[in-house]
């Protein structure tokens, strides 16, 4: 197989719908739509939103509703979930919701599925499903969704209408080798959360490729990974913008979570030696810098992973700076194509 370079693969976006300090969820949603519209203009392939609950910094808890809002404000970019946390939902409800979305926006909706609840266990119980049973049932729930979407299910006593007979791509999302094995076994595309769980990344994608079984959904393995990118016109400005991300990650490590904070000139006093080491380990696949630095870092990363698609998330406080980061990132690819 020929080597796939940065210029050869699609770029996509994972939006965690960040609530920034001093703003509310409504502001977040409007900022997300503006980013999606600009991403569409720039040629990004997909725009995914992630389900999280009980998090002061994340506004995408009603993920399917937000997907509809973004899809309704764009025209060509694929919109989907990165992902829907299946333990929180009955598969039939998910099939009906995404069947509705796919009916409204034909050929543009993706369904990425995760096995975690996207929250703490107390909140998971408040979502009214048994956490342990649901996690253990994840493979069966995925197959139940496939059944609901199939045209052959029309003779069943339980049907997803709308949803039945629609082409809604299902992705398996994960941060471990378990998810890789399931995606390979079912012959589905695989998206790895390397933006926050780097430890098993390389092993998982290799295992997926080795054990992939062709299916009616996919003939060859297809790997997408998500990474953090904070790009700006200069390395210094990118490093400054990244301090918002570092503050957020420090809050995750310490349990003191807050809305996304404005950037600061220095992280001194905001994290200790332990917190800094933990953040940098967790955020191993984070690329910060100007176009030249990002280009070099991504070239090295792609050379060693041979991804089929790259998904990017960017925790940046200022919405215009976040849009510009994606503009700089896309210019890396466009420049590579022109130079190729």
C-alpha atoms as a PDB file:
ATOM      1  CA  UNK A   1       0.000   0.000   0.000  1.00  0.00           C
ATOM      2  CA  UNK A   2       1.323   3.429  -0.934  1.00  0.00           C
ATOM      3  CA  UNK A   3       2.303   5.759   1.885  1.00  0.00           C
ATOM      4  CA  UNK A   4      -0.454   8.226   2.738  1.00  0.00           C
ATOM      5  CA  UNK A   5       0.822  11.738   3.354  1.00  0.00           C
ATOM      6  CA  UNK A   6      -0.893  14.630   5.124  1.00  0.00           C
ATOM      7  CA  UNK A   7      -2.014  15.948   1.743  1.00  0.00           C
ATOM      8  CA  UNK A   8      -3.699  12.608   0.930  1.00  0.00           C
ATOM      9  CA  UNK A   9      -6.161  12.321   3.820  1.00  0.00           C
ATOM     10  CA  UNK A  10      -9.325  14.231   4.764  1.00  0.00           C
ATOM     11  CA  UNK A  11      -9.318  16.607   7.721  1.00  0.00           C
ATOM     12  CA  UNK A  12     -12.341  16.728  10.022  1.00  0.00           C
ATOM     13  CA  UNK A  13     -13.359  18.514  13.233  1.00  0.00           C
ATOM     14  CA  UNK A  14     -14.479  17.333  16.660  1.00  0.00           C
ATOM     15  CA  UNK A  15     -16.287  20.131  18.481  1.00  0.00           C
ATOM     16  CA  UNK A  16     -16.674  19.666  22.231  1.00  0.00           C
ATOM     17  CA  UNK A  17     -18.945  22.735  22.273  1.00  0.00           C
ATOM     18  CA  UNK A  18     -16.880  24.542  24.901  1.00  0.00           C
ATOM     19  CA  UNK A  19     -18.619  26.917  27.282  1.00  0.00           C
ATOM     20  CA  UNK A  20     -16.166  29.747  27.822  1.00  0.00           C
ATOM     21  CA  UNK A  21     -15.816  31.780  31.018  1.00  0.00           C
ATOM     22  CA  UNK A  22     -18.338  34.619  30.997  1.00  0.00           C
ATOM     23  CA  UNK A  23     -20.570  33.100  28.290  1.00  0.00           C
ATOM     24  CA  UNK A  24     -23.469  30.664  28.146  1.00  0.00           C
ATOM     25  CA  UNK A  25     -24.532  27.637  26.099  1.00  0.00           C
ATOM     26  CA  UNK A  26     -26.428  29.763  23.578  1.00  0.00           C
ATOM     27  CA  UNK A  27     -23.232  31.637  22.766  1.00  0.00           C
ATOM     28  CA  UNK A  28     -21.419  28.316  22.449  1.00  0.00           C
ATOM     29  CA  UNK A  29     -23.937  26.997  19.931  1.00  0.00           C
ATOM     30  CA  UNK A  30     -23.738  30.119  17.763  1.00  0.00           C
ATOM     31  CA  UNK A  31     -19.936  29.924  17.829  1.00  0.00           C
ATOM     32  CA  UNK A  32     -20.086  26.259  16.845  1.00  0.00           C
ATOM     33  CA  UNK A  33     -22.299  27.036  13.873  1.00  0.00           C
ATOM     34  CA  UNK A  34     -19.951  29.774  12.678  1.00  0.00           C
ATOM     35  CA  UNK A  35     -17.027  27.365  12.943  1.00  0.00           C
ATOM     36  CA  UNK A  36     -18.922  24.648  11.049  1.00  0.00           C
ATOM     37  CA  UNK A  37     -19.825  27.071   8.265  1.00  0.00           C
ATOM     38  CA  UNK A  38     -16.202  28.179   7.917  1.00  0.00           C
ATOM     39  CA  UNK A  39     -15.007  24.562   8.049  1.00  0.00           C
ATOM     40  CA  UNK A  40     -17.351  23.756   5.191  1.00  0.00           C
ATOM     41  CA  UNK A  41     -15.891  26.625   3.159  1.00  0.00           C
ATOM     42  CA  UNK A  42     -12.357  25.404   3.891  1.00  0.00           C
ATOM     43  CA  UNK A  43     -13.094  21.845   2.776  1.00  0.00           C
ATOM     44  CA  UNK A  44     -13.152  19.920   6.044  1.00  0.00           C
ATOM     45  CA  UNK A  45     -14.966  16.604   5.575  1.00  0.00           C
ATOM     46  CA  UNK A  46     -16.945  16.174   8.805  1.00  0.00           C
ATOM     47  CA  UNK A  47     -18.039  18.086  11.847  1.00  0.00           C
ATOM     48  CA  UNK A  48     -18.691  15.872  14.855  1.00  0.00           C
ATOM     49  CA  UNK A  49     -20.039  16.684  18.307  1.00  0.00           C
ATOM     50  CA  UNK A  50     -19.445  14.671  21.471  1.00  0.00           C
ATOM     51  CA  UNK A  51     -21.893  13.656  24.176  1.00  0.00           C
ATOM     52  CA  UNK A  52     -20.873  14.711  27.686  1.00  0.00           C
ATOM     53  CA  UNK A  53     -22.963  15.300  30.778  1.00  0.00           C
ATOM     54  CA  UNK A  54     -22.630  17.297  33.998  1.00  0.00           C
ATOM     55  CA  UNK A  55     -19.590  19.220  32.744  1.00  0.00           C
ATOM     56  CA  UNK A  56     -19.488  22.973  33.228  1.00  0.00           C
ATOM     57  CA  UNK A  57     -17.245  23.427  30.193  1.00  0.00           C
ATOM     58  CA  UNK A  58     -19.170  21.316  27.648  1.00  0.00           C
ATOM     59  CA  UNK A  59     -22.567  22.195  26.133  1.00  0.00           C
ATOM     60  CA  UNK A  60     -23.150  19.187  23.848  1.00  0.00           C
ATOM     61  CA  UNK A  61     -25.190  16.988  26.218  1.00  0.00           C
ATOM     62  CA  UNK A  62     -28.203  16.885  23.853  1.00  0.00           C
ATOM     63  CA  UNK A  63     -25.959  15.772  21.018  1.00  0.00           C
ATOM     64  CA  UNK A  64     -28.521  14.795  18.397  1.00  0.00           C
ATOM     65  CA  UNK A  65     -30.347  18.118  18.844  1.00  0.00           C
ATOM     66  CA  UNK A  66     -27.104  20.029  18.321  1.00  0.00           C
ATOM     67  CA  UNK A  67     -26.229  17.906  15.279  1.00  0.00           C
ATOM     68  CA  UNK A  68     -29.532  18.972  13.742  1.00  0.00           C
ATOM     69  CA  UNK A  69     -28.752  22.631  14.440  1.00  0.00           C
ATOM     70  CA  UNK A  70     -25.321  22.400  12.782  1.00  0.00           C
ATOM     71  CA  UNK A  71     -26.577  20.366   9.823  1.00  0.00           C
ATOM     72  CA  UNK A  72     -29.416  22.832   9.313  1.00  0.00           C
ATOM     73  CA  UNK A  73     -26.981  25.733   9.110  1.00  0.00           C
ATOM     74  CA  UNK A  74     -24.633  24.056   6.618  1.00  0.00           C
ATOM     75  CA  UNK A  75     -25.132  22.412   3.250  1.00  0.00           C
ATOM     76  CA  UNK A  76     -22.399  19.910   2.349  1.00  0.00           C
ATOM     77  CA  UNK A  77     -20.177  19.034   5.328  1.00  0.00           C
ATOM     78  CA  UNK A  78     -20.977  15.727   7.033  1.00  0.00           C
ATOM     79  CA  UNK A  79     -22.258  16.168  10.585  1.00  0.00           C
ATOM     80  CA  UNK A  80     -22.308  13.511  13.260  1.00  0.00           C
ATOM     81  CA  UNK A  81     -21.517  12.259  16.724  1.00  0.00           C
ATOM     82  CA  UNK A  82     -18.101  11.716  18.157  1.00  0.00           C
ATOM     83  CA  UNK A  83     -19.867  10.155  19.788  1.00  0.00           C
ATOM     84  CA  UNK A  84     -23.197   9.081  21.132  1.00  0.00           C
ATOM     85  CA  UNK A  85     -22.504   7.258  24.405  1.00  0.00           C
ATOM     86  CA  UNK A  86     -24.627   4.184  23.845  1.00  0.00           C
ATOM     87  CA  UNK A  87     -24.849   3.069  27.503  1.00  0.00           C
ATOM     88  CA  UNK A  88     -27.001   6.147  28.117  1.00  0.00           C
ATOM     89  CA  UNK A  89     -29.617   5.316  25.486  1.00  0.00           C
ATOM     90  CA  UNK A  90     -31.891   2.592  24.235  1.00  0.00           C
ATOM     91  CA  UNK A  91     -30.716   1.622  20.727  1.00  0.00           C
ATOM     92  CA  UNK A  92     -34.208   2.149  19.324  1.00  0.00           C
ATOM     93  CA  UNK A  93     -34.233   5.781  20.496  1.00  0.00           C
ATOM     94  CA  UNK A  94     -30.840   6.396  18.869  1.00  0.00           C
ATOM     95  CA  UNK A  95     -32.039   4.751  15.645  1.00  0.00           C
ATOM     96  CA  UNK A  96     -35.130   6.984  15.560  1.00  0.00           C
ATOM     97  CA  UNK A  97     -33.167  10.151  16.333  1.00  0.00           C
ATOM     98  CA  UNK A  98     -30.511   9.534  13.690  1.00  0.00           C
ATOM     99  CA  UNK A  99     -33.107   8.249  11.254  1.00  0.00           C
ATOM    100  CA  UNK A 100     -34.831  11.611  11.664  1.00  0.00           C
ATOM    101  CA  UNK A 101     -31.559  13.487  11.143  1.00  0.00           C
ATOM    102  CA  UNK A 102     -30.680  11.418   8.067  1.00  0.00           C
ATOM    103  CA  UNK A 103     -34.147  12.021   6.638  1.00  0.00           C
ATOM    104  CA  UNK A 104     -33.769  15.767   7.106  1.00  0.00           C
ATOM    105  CA  UNK A 105     -30.162  15.891   5.830  1.00  0.00           C
ATOM    106  CA  UNK A 106     -29.719  12.937   3.437  1.00  0.00           C
ATOM    107  CA  UNK A 107     -26.195  11.658   2.901  1.00  0.00           C
ATOM    108  CA  UNK A 108     -24.669  13.916   5.558  1.00  0.00           C
ATOM    109  CA  UNK A 109     -25.166  12.203   8.931  1.00  0.00           C
ATOM    110  CA  UNK A 110     -22.619   9.992  10.747  1.00  0.00           C
ATOM    111  CA  UNK A 111     -23.249   7.960  13.900  1.00  0.00           C
ATOM    112  CA  UNK A 112     -20.147   7.481  16.030  1.00  0.00           C
ATOM    113  CA  UNK A 113     -20.721   5.254  19.066  1.00  0.00           C
ATOM    114  CA  UNK A 114     -18.847   5.033  22.363  1.00  0.00           C
ATOM    115  CA  UNK A 115     -19.150   2.530  25.194  1.00  0.00           C
ATOM    116  CA  UNK A 116     -18.463   4.969  28.067  1.00  0.00           C
ATOM    117  CA  UNK A 117     -21.233   7.094  29.644  1.00  0.00           C
ATOM    118  CA  UNK A 118     -19.423  10.383  29.008  1.00  0.00           C
ATOM    119  CA  UNK A 119     -19.825  11.387  32.639  1.00  0.00           C
ATOM    120  CA  UNK A 120     -19.410  10.246  36.239  1.00  0.00           C
ATOM    121  CA  UNK A 121     -21.247   7.220  37.632  1.00  0.00           C
ATOM    122  CA  UNK A 122     -23.694   9.282  39.701  1.00  0.00           C
ATOM    123  CA  UNK A 123     -24.770  11.189  36.596  1.00  0.00           C
ATOM    124  CA  UNK A 124     -24.862   7.959  34.596  1.00  0.00           C
ATOM    125  CA  UNK A 125     -27.419   6.604  37.046  1.00  0.00           C
ATOM    126  CA  UNK A 126     -29.404   9.824  36.714  1.00  0.00           C
ATOM    127  CA  UNK A 127     -29.587   9.160  32.975  1.00  0.00           C
ATOM    128  CA  UNK A 128     -31.809   6.196  33.945  1.00  0.00           C
ATOM    129  CA  UNK A 129     -29.805   3.300  32.555  1.00  0.00           C
ATOM    130  CA  UNK A 130     -27.800   0.673  34.434  1.00  0.00           C
ATOM    131  CA  UNK A 131     -24.198   1.677  33.724  1.00  0.00           C
ATOM    132  CA  UNK A 132     -22.515  -1.718  34.151  1.00  0.00           C
ATOM    133  CA  UNK A 133     -25.151  -3.685  32.255  1.00  0.00           C
ATOM    134  CA  UNK A 134     -25.206  -1.152  29.429  1.00  0.00           C
ATOM    135  CA  UNK A 135     -21.417  -1.108  28.997  1.00  0.00           C
ATOM    136  CA  UNK A 136     -21.327  -4.900  28.894  1.00  0.00           C
ATOM    137  CA  UNK A 137     -24.135  -4.888  26.347  1.00  0.00           C
ATOM    138  CA  UNK A 138     -22.351  -2.447  24.013  1.00  0.00           C
ATOM    139  CA  UNK A 139     -21.591  -4.962  21.187  1.00  0.00           C
ATOM    140  CA  UNK A 140     -25.180  -6.229  21.216  1.00  0.00           C
ATOM    141  CA  UNK A 141     -26.518  -2.666  21.255  1.00  0.00           C
ATOM    142  CA  UNK A 142     -24.399  -1.772  18.211  1.00  0.00           C
ATOM    143  CA  UNK A 143     -25.745  -4.777  16.342  1.00  0.00           C
ATOM    144  CA  UNK A 144     -29.279  -3.854  17.405  1.00  0.00           C
ATOM    145  CA  UNK A 145     -28.761  -0.443  15.787  1.00  0.00           C
ATOM    146  CA  UNK A 146     -27.557  -2.102  12.597  1.00  0.00           C
ATOM    147  CA  UNK A 147     -30.712  -4.201  12.590  1.00  0.00           C
ATOM    148  CA  UNK A 148     -32.980  -1.185  13.091  1.00  0.00           C
ATOM    149  CA  UNK A 149     -31.317   0.595  10.151  1.00  0.00           C
ATOM    150  CA  UNK A 150     -31.599  -2.426   7.845  1.00  0.00           C
ATOM    151  CA  UNK A 151     -34.326  -2.679   5.236  1.00  0.00           C
ATOM    152  CA  UNK A 152     -34.803  -6.322   6.256  1.00  0.00           C
ATOM    153  CA  UNK A 153     -36.144  -5.225   9.637  1.00  0.00           C
ATOM    154  CA  UNK A 154     -39.464  -4.125   8.117  1.00  0.00           C
ATOM    155  CA  UNK A 155     -41.060  -7.444   9.075  1.00  0.00           C
ATOM    156  CA  UNK A 156     -40.018  -7.091  12.722  1.00  0.00           C
ATOM    157  CA  UNK A 157     -42.444  -6.216  15.513  1.00  0.00           C
ATOM    158  CA  UNK A 158     -40.121  -3.350  16.567  1.00  0.00           C
ATOM    159  CA  UNK A 159     -39.068  -0.933  13.831  1.00  0.00           C
ATOM    160  CA  UNK A 160     -37.216   2.396  13.690  1.00  0.00           C
ATOM    161  CA  UNK A 161     -39.336   4.804  11.678  1.00  0.00           C
ATOM    162  CA  UNK A 162     -37.658   6.926  10.430  1.00  0.00           C
ATOM    163  CA  UNK A 163     -34.360   5.087  10.276  1.00  0.00           C
ATOM    164  CA  UNK A 164     -35.212   1.800   8.646  1.00  0.00           C
ATOM    165  CA  UNK A 165     -33.498   1.325   5.281  1.00  0.00           C
ATOM    166  CA  UNK A 166     -31.386   4.475   5.550  1.00  0.00           C
ATOM    167  CA  UNK A 167     -27.649   4.603   4.891  1.00  0.00           C
ATOM    168  CA  UNK A 168     -26.319   5.952   8.182  1.00  0.00           C
ATOM    169  CA  UNK A 169     -22.623   5.097   8.624  1.00  0.00           C
ATOM    170  CA  UNK A 170     -21.842   3.664  12.062  1.00  0.00           C
ATOM    171  CA  UNK A 171     -18.391   4.253  13.539  1.00  0.00           C
ATOM    172  CA  UNK A 172     -16.905   2.586  16.602  1.00  0.00           C
ATOM    173  CA  UNK A 173     -15.139   5.092  18.834  1.00  0.00           C
ATOM    174  CA  UNK A 174     -12.665   4.094  21.462  1.00  0.00           C
ATOM    175  CA  UNK A 175      -9.649   4.643  23.638  1.00  0.00           C
ATOM    176  CA  UNK A 176      -8.657   1.016  24.198  1.00  0.00           C
ATOM    177  CA  UNK A 177      -7.929  -2.235  22.396  1.00  0.00           C
ATOM    178  CA  UNK A 178     -11.417  -3.538  23.280  1.00  0.00           C
ATOM    179  CA  UNK A 179     -13.057  -1.044  20.943  1.00  0.00           C
ATOM    180  CA  UNK A 180     -10.510  -1.869  18.247  1.00  0.00           C
ATOM    181  CA  UNK A 181     -11.393  -5.556  18.429  1.00  0.00           C
ATOM    182  CA  UNK A 182     -15.099  -4.816  18.169  1.00  0.00           C
ATOM    183  CA  UNK A 183     -14.687  -2.477  15.178  1.00  0.00           C
ATOM    184  CA  UNK A 184     -12.515  -5.071  13.431  1.00  0.00           C
ATOM    185  CA  UNK A 185     -14.964  -7.894  14.170  1.00  0.00           C
ATOM    186  CA  UNK A 186     -17.960  -5.937  12.854  1.00  0.00           C
ATOM    187  CA  UNK A 187     -16.096  -4.523   9.839  1.00  0.00           C
ATOM    188  CA  UNK A 188     -16.795  -0.917  10.803  1.00  0.00           C
ATOM    189  CA  UNK A 189     -14.653   2.241  10.616  1.00  0.00           C
ATOM    190  CA  UNK A 190     -12.687   2.997  13.781  1.00  0.00           C
ATOM    191  CA  UNK A 191     -12.018   6.369  15.422  1.00  0.00           C
ATOM    192  CA  UNK A 192      -9.523   6.565  18.273  1.00  0.00           C
ATOM    193  CA  UNK A 193      -9.589   9.237  20.992  1.00  0.00           C
ATOM    194  CA  UNK A 194      -5.862   9.937  20.954  1.00  0.00           C
ATOM    195  CA  UNK A 195      -6.553  13.567  21.895  1.00  0.00           C
ATOM    196  CA  UNK A 196      -6.968  12.500  25.535  1.00  0.00           C
ATOM    197  CA  UNK A 197      -6.068   8.780  25.709  1.00  0.00           C
ATOM    198  CA  UNK A 198      -2.701   8.273  23.980  1.00  0.00           C
ATOM    199  CA  UNK A 199      -1.462   5.167  25.810  1.00  0.00           C
ATOM    200  CA  UNK A 200      -3.120   2.453  23.722  1.00  0.00           C
ATOM    201  CA  UNK A 201      -3.368   4.377  20.463  1.00  0.00           C
ATOM    202  CA  UNK A 202      -0.712   2.706  18.334  1.00  0.00           C
ATOM    203  CA  UNK A 203      -1.483  -0.792  19.626  1.00  0.00           C
ATOM    204  CA  UNK A 204      -5.205  -0.326  19.064  1.00  0.00           C
ATOM    205  CA  UNK A 205      -4.999   0.826  15.462  1.00  0.00           C
ATOM    206  CA  UNK A 206      -2.505  -1.928  14.616  1.00  0.00           C
ATOM    207  CA  UNK A 207      -4.772  -4.548  16.205  1.00  0.00           C
ATOM    208  CA  UNK A 208      -7.765  -3.170  14.299  1.00  0.00           C
ATOM    209  CA  UNK A 209      -5.933  -3.368  10.990  1.00  0.00           C
ATOM    210  CA  UNK A 210      -4.637  -6.886  11.638  1.00  0.00           C
ATOM    211  CA  UNK A 211      -7.993  -8.339  12.655  1.00  0.00           C
ATOM    212  CA  UNK A 212     -10.326  -6.385  10.378  1.00  0.00           C
ATOM    213  CA  UNK A 213     -13.007  -8.512   8.714  1.00  0.00           C
ATOM    214  CA  UNK A 214     -14.538  -7.061   5.531  1.00  0.00           C
ATOM    215  CA  UNK A 215     -18.258  -6.456   5.848  1.00  0.00           C
ATOM    216  CA  UNK A 216     -21.184  -5.152   3.875  1.00  0.00           C
ATOM    217  CA  UNK A 217     -20.374  -1.761   5.370  1.00  0.00           C
ATOM    218  CA  UNK A 218     -16.633  -1.576   4.692  1.00  0.00           C
ATOM    219  CA  UNK A 219     -14.248  -3.555   2.486  1.00  0.00           C
ATOM    220  CA  UNK A 220     -10.975  -2.305   3.994  1.00  0.00           C
ATOM    221  CA  UNK A 221     -10.025  -1.036   7.469  1.00  0.00           C
ATOM    222  CA  UNK A 222     -10.503   2.689   7.933  1.00  0.00           C
ATOM    223  CA  UNK A 223      -8.787   4.503  10.801  1.00  0.00           C
ATOM    224  CA  UNK A 224      -9.413   8.014  11.984  1.00  0.00           C
ATOM    225  CA  UNK A 225      -7.689   9.522  15.025  1.00  0.00           C
ATOM    226  CA  UNK A 226      -8.459  12.698  16.896  1.00  0.00           C
ATOM    227  CA  UNK A 227      -5.667  15.023  17.990  1.00  0.00           C
ATOM    228  CA  UNK A 228      -5.456  18.429  19.642  1.00  0.00           C
ATOM    229  CA  UNK A 229      -4.237  21.278  17.449  1.00  0.00           C
ATOM    230  CA  UNK A 230      -3.740  24.900  18.461  1.00  0.00           C
ATOM    231  CA  UNK A 231      -2.384  26.858  15.512  1.00  0.00           C
ATOM    232  CA  UNK A 232      -1.681  30.547  15.084  1.00  0.00           C
ATOM    233  CA  UNK A 233       0.433  32.871  12.963  1.00  0.00           C
ATOM    234  CA  UNK A 234       3.379  32.552  15.361  1.00  0.00           C
ATOM    235  CA  UNK A 235       4.610  29.888  17.751  1.00  0.00           C
ATOM    236  CA  UNK A 236       4.443  32.397  20.591  1.00  0.00           C
ATOM    237  CA  UNK A 237       0.776  33.203  19.970  1.00  0.00           C
ATOM    238  CA  UNK A 238      -0.099  29.512  19.687  1.00  0.00           C
ATOM    239  CA  UNK A 239       1.624  28.802  23.014  1.00  0.00           C
ATOM    240  CA  UNK A 240      -0.317  31.645  24.627  1.00  0.00           C
ATOM    241  CA  UNK A 241      -3.635  30.364  23.257  1.00  0.00           C
ATOM    242  CA  UNK A 242      -2.769  26.879  24.516  1.00  0.00           C
ATOM    243  CA  UNK A 243      -2.818  28.032  28.130  1.00  0.00           C
ATOM    244  CA  UNK A 244      -6.638  27.910  28.025  1.00  0.00           C
ATOM    245  CA  UNK A 245      -6.350  24.244  27.078  1.00  0.00           C
ATOM    246  CA  UNK A 246      -3.747  23.630  29.784  1.00  0.00           C
ATOM    247  CA  UNK A 247      -6.010  25.181  32.408  1.00  0.00           C
ATOM    248  CA  UNK A 248      -8.904  22.997  31.276  1.00  0.00           C
ATOM    249  CA  UNK A 249      -6.775  19.845  31.336  1.00  0.00           C
ATOM    250  CA  UNK A 250      -5.397  20.732  34.766  1.00  0.00           C
ATOM    251  CA  UNK A 251      -8.973  21.000  36.020  1.00  0.00           C
ATOM    252  CA  UNK A 252      -9.681  17.512  34.685  1.00  0.00           C
ATOM    253  CA  UNK A 253      -6.607  16.131  36.465  1.00  0.00           C
ATOM    254  CA  UNK A 254      -7.396  17.825  39.789  1.00  0.00           C
ATOM    255  CA  UNK A 255     -11.186  17.494  39.653  1.00  0.00           C
ATOM    256  CA  UNK A 256     -11.615  21.287  39.784  1.00  0.00           C
ATOM    257  CA  UNK A 257     -13.441  21.736  36.491  1.00  0.00           C
ATOM    258  CA  UNK A 258     -14.476  25.149  35.218  1.00  0.00           C
ATOM    259  CA  UNK A 259     -15.638  26.773  32.017  1.00  0.00           C
ATOM    260  CA  UNK A 260     -12.879  27.277  29.446  1.00  0.00           C
ATOM    261  CA  UNK A 261     -10.691  30.094  30.771  1.00  0.00           C
ATOM    262  CA  UNK A 262      -9.047  32.979  28.884  1.00  0.00           C
ATOM    263  CA  UNK A 263      -5.380  32.468  27.973  1.00  0.00           C
ATOM    264  CA  UNK A 264      -2.683  33.663  30.356  1.00  0.00           C
ATOM    265  CA  UNK A 265       0.907  34.706  29.817  1.00  0.00           C
ATOM    266  CA  UNK A 266       2.257  31.900  32.007  1.00  0.00           C
ATOM    267  CA  UNK A 267       0.996  28.738  33.687  1.00  0.00           C
ATOM    268  CA  UNK A 268       3.240  29.406  36.685  1.00  0.00           C
ATOM    269  CA  UNK A 269       1.136  29.054  39.805  1.00  0.00           C
ATOM    270  CA  UNK A 270      -1.746  27.460  37.898  1.00  0.00           C
ATOM    271  CA  UNK A 271      -0.288  23.970  37.855  1.00  0.00           C
ATOM    272  CA  UNK A 272       2.325  22.158  39.891  1.00  0.00           C
ATOM    273  CA  UNK A 273       5.012  19.798  38.722  1.00  0.00           C
ATOM    274  CA  UNK A 274       2.733  16.771  39.064  1.00  0.00           C
ATOM    275  CA  UNK A 275      -0.194  18.416  37.268  1.00  0.00           C
ATOM    276  CA  UNK A 276       1.993  19.606  34.408  1.00  0.00           C
ATOM    277  CA  UNK A 277       3.494  16.146  33.921  1.00  0.00           C
ATOM    278  CA  UNK A 278       0.064  14.502  34.000  1.00  0.00           C
ATOM    279  CA  UNK A 279      -1.397  16.994  31.520  1.00  0.00           C
ATOM    280  CA  UNK A 280       1.495  16.653  29.100  1.00  0.00           C
ATOM    281  CA  UNK A 281       1.301  12.853  29.258  1.00  0.00           C
ATOM    282  CA  UNK A 282      -2.458  12.826  28.680  1.00  0.00           C
ATOM    283  CA  UNK A 283      -2.130  15.363  25.866  1.00  0.00           C
ATOM    284  CA  UNK A 284       0.751  13.602  24.102  1.00  0.00           C
ATOM    285  CA  UNK A 285      -0.855  14.036  20.692  1.00  0.00           C
ATOM    286  CA  UNK A 286      -1.199  17.796  20.898  1.00  0.00           C
ATOM    287  CA  UNK A 287       0.304  20.014  18.212  1.00  0.00           C
ATOM    288  CA  UNK A 288       0.887  23.681  19.004  1.00  0.00           C
ATOM    289  CA  UNK A 289       2.541  26.256  16.765  1.00  0.00           C
ATOM    290  CA  UNK A 290       2.580  28.168  13.509  1.00  0.00           C
ATOM    291  CA  UNK A 291       2.012  26.648  10.082  1.00  0.00           C
ATOM    292  CA  UNK A 292       5.602  25.485   9.668  1.00  0.00           C
ATOM    293  CA  UNK A 293       5.756  23.775  13.052  1.00  0.00           C
ATOM    294  CA  UNK A 294       2.338  22.180  12.712  1.00  0.00           C
ATOM    295  CA  UNK A 295       3.296  20.944   9.249  1.00  0.00           C
ATOM    296  CA  UNK A 296       6.423  19.249  10.514  1.00  0.00           C
ATOM    297  CA  UNK A 297       4.686  17.702  13.512  1.00  0.00           C
ATOM    298  CA  UNK A 298       1.753  16.353  11.507  1.00  0.00           C
ATOM    299  CA  UNK A 299       4.030  15.022   8.764  1.00  0.00           C
ATOM    300  CA  UNK A 300       5.932  13.006  11.381  1.00  0.00           C
ATOM    301  CA  UNK A 301       2.693  11.849  13.035  1.00  0.00           C
ATOM    302  CA  UNK A 302       1.111  10.729   9.759  1.00  0.00           C
ATOM    303  CA  UNK A 303       4.274   8.958   8.650  1.00  0.00           C
ATOM    304  CA  UNK A 304       4.102   6.773  11.772  1.00  0.00           C
ATOM    305  CA  UNK A 305       0.341   6.183  11.892  1.00  0.00           C
ATOM    306  CA  UNK A 306      -0.774   6.094   8.248  1.00  0.00           C
ATOM    307  CA  UNK A 307      -4.240   7.325   9.141  1.00  0.00           C
ATOM    308  CA  UNK A 308      -7.052   7.336   6.633  1.00  0.00           C
ATOM    309  CA  UNK A 309      -8.470  10.525   8.146  1.00  0.00           C
ATOM    310  CA  UNK A 310      -7.451  13.054  10.781  1.00  0.00           C
ATOM    311  CA  UNK A 311      -9.924  14.642  13.195  1.00  0.00           C
ATOM    312  CA  UNK A 312      -8.924  17.772  15.083  1.00  0.00           C
ATOM    313  CA  UNK A 313     -10.220  19.367  18.241  1.00  0.00           C
ATOM    314  CA  UNK A 314      -9.074  22.793  19.429  1.00  0.00           C
ATOM    315  CA  UNK A 315      -9.736  24.191  22.897  1.00  0.00           C
ATOM    316  CA  UNK A 316      -9.300  27.900  22.224  1.00  0.00           C
ATOM    317  CA  UNK A 317     -11.048  30.595  24.255  1.00  0.00           C
ATOM    318  CA  UNK A 318     -11.615  33.227  21.586  1.00  0.00           C
ATOM    319  CA  UNK A 319     -14.026  31.980  18.875  1.00  0.00           C
ATOM    320  CA  UNK A 320     -12.287  33.895  16.093  1.00  0.00           C
ATOM    321  CA  UNK A 321      -8.890  32.562  17.171  1.00  0.00           C
ATOM    322  CA  UNK A 322     -10.370  29.064  17.105  1.00  0.00           C
ATOM    323  CA  UNK A 323     -11.626  29.581  13.557  1.00  0.00           C
ATOM    324  CA  UNK A 324      -8.226  30.958  12.560  1.00  0.00           C
ATOM    325  CA  UNK A 325      -6.504  27.912  14.039  1.00  0.00           C
ATOM    326  CA  UNK A 326      -8.487  25.704  11.662  1.00  0.00           C
ATOM    327  CA  UNK A 327      -7.642  28.071   8.798  1.00  0.00           C
ATOM    328  CA  UNK A 328      -3.930  27.762   9.579  1.00  0.00           C
ATOM    329  CA  UNK A 329      -4.247  23.998   9.874  1.00  0.00           C
ATOM    330  CA  UNK A 330      -6.019  23.663   6.535  1.00  0.00           C
ATOM    331  CA  UNK A 331      -3.344  25.835   4.929  1.00  0.00           C
ATOM    332  CA  UNK A 332      -0.813  23.201   6.025  1.00  0.00           C
ATOM    333  CA  UNK A 333      -2.630  20.632   3.907  1.00  0.00           C
ATOM    334  CA  UNK A 334      -3.305  22.997   1.012  1.00  0.00           C
ATOM    335  CA  UNK A 335       0.363  24.052   0.932  1.00  0.00           C
ATOM    336  CA  UNK A 336       1.423  20.391   0.984  1.00  0.00           C
ATOM    337  CA  UNK A 337      -0.847  19.645  -1.977  1.00  0.00           C
ATOM    338  CA  UNK A 338       0.491  22.630  -3.929  1.00  0.00           C
ATOM    339  CA  UNK A 339       4.081  21.603  -3.194  1.00  0.00           C
ATOM    340  CA  UNK A 340       3.430  17.972  -4.012  1.00  0.00           C
END
